[in-house]
Amino acid sequence: QVQLVESGGGSVQAGGSLRLSCAASRFTFSAYSMGWFRQAPGKDREGVAAISAFSSDTYYADSVKNRFVISRDNAENMVYLLMNSLKPDDTAMYYCAAARGRQYRNTWYFTGDYNYWGQGTQVTVS
């Protein structure tokens, strides 16, 4: 059974940093684009960042551009999200997701494109 397990969330003061990790198993990781999404209470789930399969092109929501960095390690089946200069508006549950094949600039943020989802890790910025 496919597994995506997030870790690294927590509580941090505004201006601080966190690094989220997502461990993937039981699917061909290198053939999947990986995304990070977040959902705050009462809001829709939104795309934060994604890294494409094969090309490793990266995409970011405007709200996190120049603050967050997504990366992947295909040898270890891991994807990371380094979050710097955190703001209270970044408070949300963060989810790791996998989409078969490549993702592109105008598609990466569609939740329907993603085949597998993790359970989420909470990030709270005060």
Protein backbone atom coordinates (compact mmCIF):
# COMPACT_ATOMS: atom_id res chain seq x y z
CA GLN A 1 0.00 0.00 0.00
CA VAL A 2 1.32 3.43 -0.97
CA GLN A 3 2.50 5.54 1.93
CA LEU A 4 3.34 9.21 2.27
CA VAL A 5 4.37 10.18 5.78
CA GLU A 6 4.99 13.81 6.65
CA SER A 7 7.09 15.04 9.55
CA GLY A 8 8.76 18.19 10.77
CA GLY A 9 5.77 20.33 11.63
CA GLY A 10 5.48 22.23 14.87
CA SER A 11 5.06 25.62 16.47
CA VAL A 12 7.39 28.45 15.61
CA GLN A 13 7.53 32.19 16.06
CA ALA A 14 7.06 34.52 13.11
CA GLY A 15 10.30 34.88 11.18
CA GLY A 16 11.45 31.40 12.08
CA SER A 17 12.07 28.37 9.90
CA LEU A 18 10.91 24.77 9.66
CA ARG A 19 11.78 21.92 7.33
CA LEU A 20 9.04 19.48 6.45
CA SER A 21 9.90 16.01 5.24
CA CYS A 22 7.81 13.45 3.41
CA ALA A 23 8.84 9.80 3.22
CA ALA A 24 7.35 7.92 0.28
CA SER A 25 7.09 4.19 -0.17
CA ARG A 26 5.58 1.47 -2.35
CA PHE A 27 5.47 3.33 -5.64
CA THR A 28 8.00 4.40 -8.25
CA PHE A 29 8.92 7.67 -6.58
CA SER A 30 11.10 9.05 -9.39
CA ALA A 31 8.17 8.81 -11.84
CA TYR A 32 5.94 11.01 -9.72
CA SER A 33 5.82 14.74 -9.26
CA MET A 34 5.63 15.70 -5.61
CA GLY A 35 3.67 18.54 -4.13
CA TRP A 36 3.09 20.24 -0.82
CA PHE A 37 -0.38 21.55 -0.10
CA ARG A 38 -1.83 23.24 2.96
CA GLN A 39 -5.23 23.75 4.47
CA ALA A 40 -6.13 26.23 7.17
CA PRO A 41 -9.36 25.91 9.18
CA GLY A 42 -12.33 27.07 7.12
CA LYS A 43 -10.28 27.40 3.92
CA ASP A 44 -9.79 25.29 0.82
CA ARG A 45 -6.69 23.19 0.38
CA GLU A 46 -4.15 25.15 -1.63
CA GLY A 47 -0.96 24.31 -3.45
CA VAL A 48 2.21 25.53 -1.80
CA ALA A 49 4.97 24.08 -3.97
CA ALA A 50 5.68 21.23 -6.33
CA ILE A 51 8.67 19.55 -7.94
CA SER A 52 8.18 17.74 -11.18
CA ALA A 53 9.15 14.20 -12.02
CA PHE A 54 12.05 13.80 -14.48
CA SER A 55 12.80 17.52 -14.92
CA SER A 56 12.74 18.50 -11.23
CA ASP A 57 11.26 21.82 -12.28
CA THR A 58 9.90 23.61 -9.23
CA TYR A 59 6.77 25.69 -8.81
CA TYR A 60 5.60 27.88 -5.94
CA ALA A 61 2.52 29.72 -4.85
CA ASP A 62 3.05 33.47 -5.01
CA SER A 63 2.49 33.68 -1.25
CA VAL A 64 5.56 31.54 -0.51
CA LYS A 65 7.86 32.41 -3.39
CA ASN A 66 11.37 33.40 -2.22
CA ARG A 67 10.62 32.02 1.28
CA PHE A 68 10.02 28.30 0.73
CA VAL A 69 12.19 25.78 -1.12
CA ILE A 70 11.03 22.36 -2.29
CA SER A 71 13.51 19.60 -3.02
CA ARG A 72 13.53 15.87 -3.57
CA ASP A 73 15.93 12.96 -3.08
CA ASN A 74 15.02 10.19 -5.49
CA ALA A 75 17.59 7.84 -3.98
CA GLU A 76 15.91 8.10 -0.57
CA ASN A 77 12.31 8.55 -1.78
CA MET A 78 12.05 11.81 0.15
CA VAL A 79 10.67 15.25 -0.56
CA TYR A 80 11.35 18.30 1.58
CA LEU A 81 9.91 21.73 2.10
CA LEU A 82 12.21 24.28 3.70
CA MET A 83 10.12 27.13 5.04
CA ASN A 84 11.86 30.38 5.95
CA SER A 85 10.58 33.73 7.20
CA LEU A 86 7.41 32.10 8.41
CA LYS A 87 4.32 34.23 8.92
CA PRO A 88 1.14 33.64 10.93
CA ASP A 89 -0.69 33.25 7.58
CA ASP A 90 1.40 30.13 6.96
CA THR A 91 -0.38 28.37 9.82
CA ALA A 92 -2.09 25.28 8.39
CA MET A 93 -2.02 21.54 8.06
CA TYR A 94 0.57 20.70 5.43
CA TYR A 95 0.12 17.70 3.15
CA CYS A 96 2.51 15.87 0.89
CA ALA A 97 1.06 14.53 -2.37
CA ALA A 98 2.23 12.52 -5.38
CA ALA A 99 1.09 12.93 -9.00
CA ARG A 100 2.01 10.45 -11.70
CA GLY A 101 4.24 11.98 -14.37
CA ARG A 102 5.35 15.52 -14.93
CA GLN A 103 3.70 18.65 -13.61
CA TYR A 104 3.74 22.03 -15.26
CA ARG A 105 3.40 25.67 -14.36
CA ASN A 106 -0.33 25.78 -15.10
CA THR A 107 -1.25 22.42 -13.57
CA TRP A 108 0.79 21.72 -10.47
CA TYR A 109 -1.68 23.23 -7.99
CA PHE A 110 -4.73 21.18 -9.01
CA THR A 111 -5.47 18.77 -6.16
CA GLY A 112 -7.26 16.44 -8.59
CA ASP A 113 -3.99 15.75 -10.40
CA TYR A 114 -2.52 14.04 -7.34
CA ASN A 115 -2.95 10.32 -6.88
CA TYR A 116 -1.68 9.87 -3.33
CA TRP A 117 -1.83 11.99 -0.18
CA GLY A 118 -0.25 11.90 3.24
CA GLN A 119 -2.04 12.48 6.53
CA GLY A 120 -0.56 15.91 7.10
CA THR A 121 1.63 17.70 9.61
CA GLN A 122 0.55 20.80 11.51
CA VAL A 123 2.48 24.05 11.24
CA THR A 124 1.59 26.85 13.64
CA VAL A 125 3.22 30.27 13.40
CA SER A 126 2.60 32.81 16.14
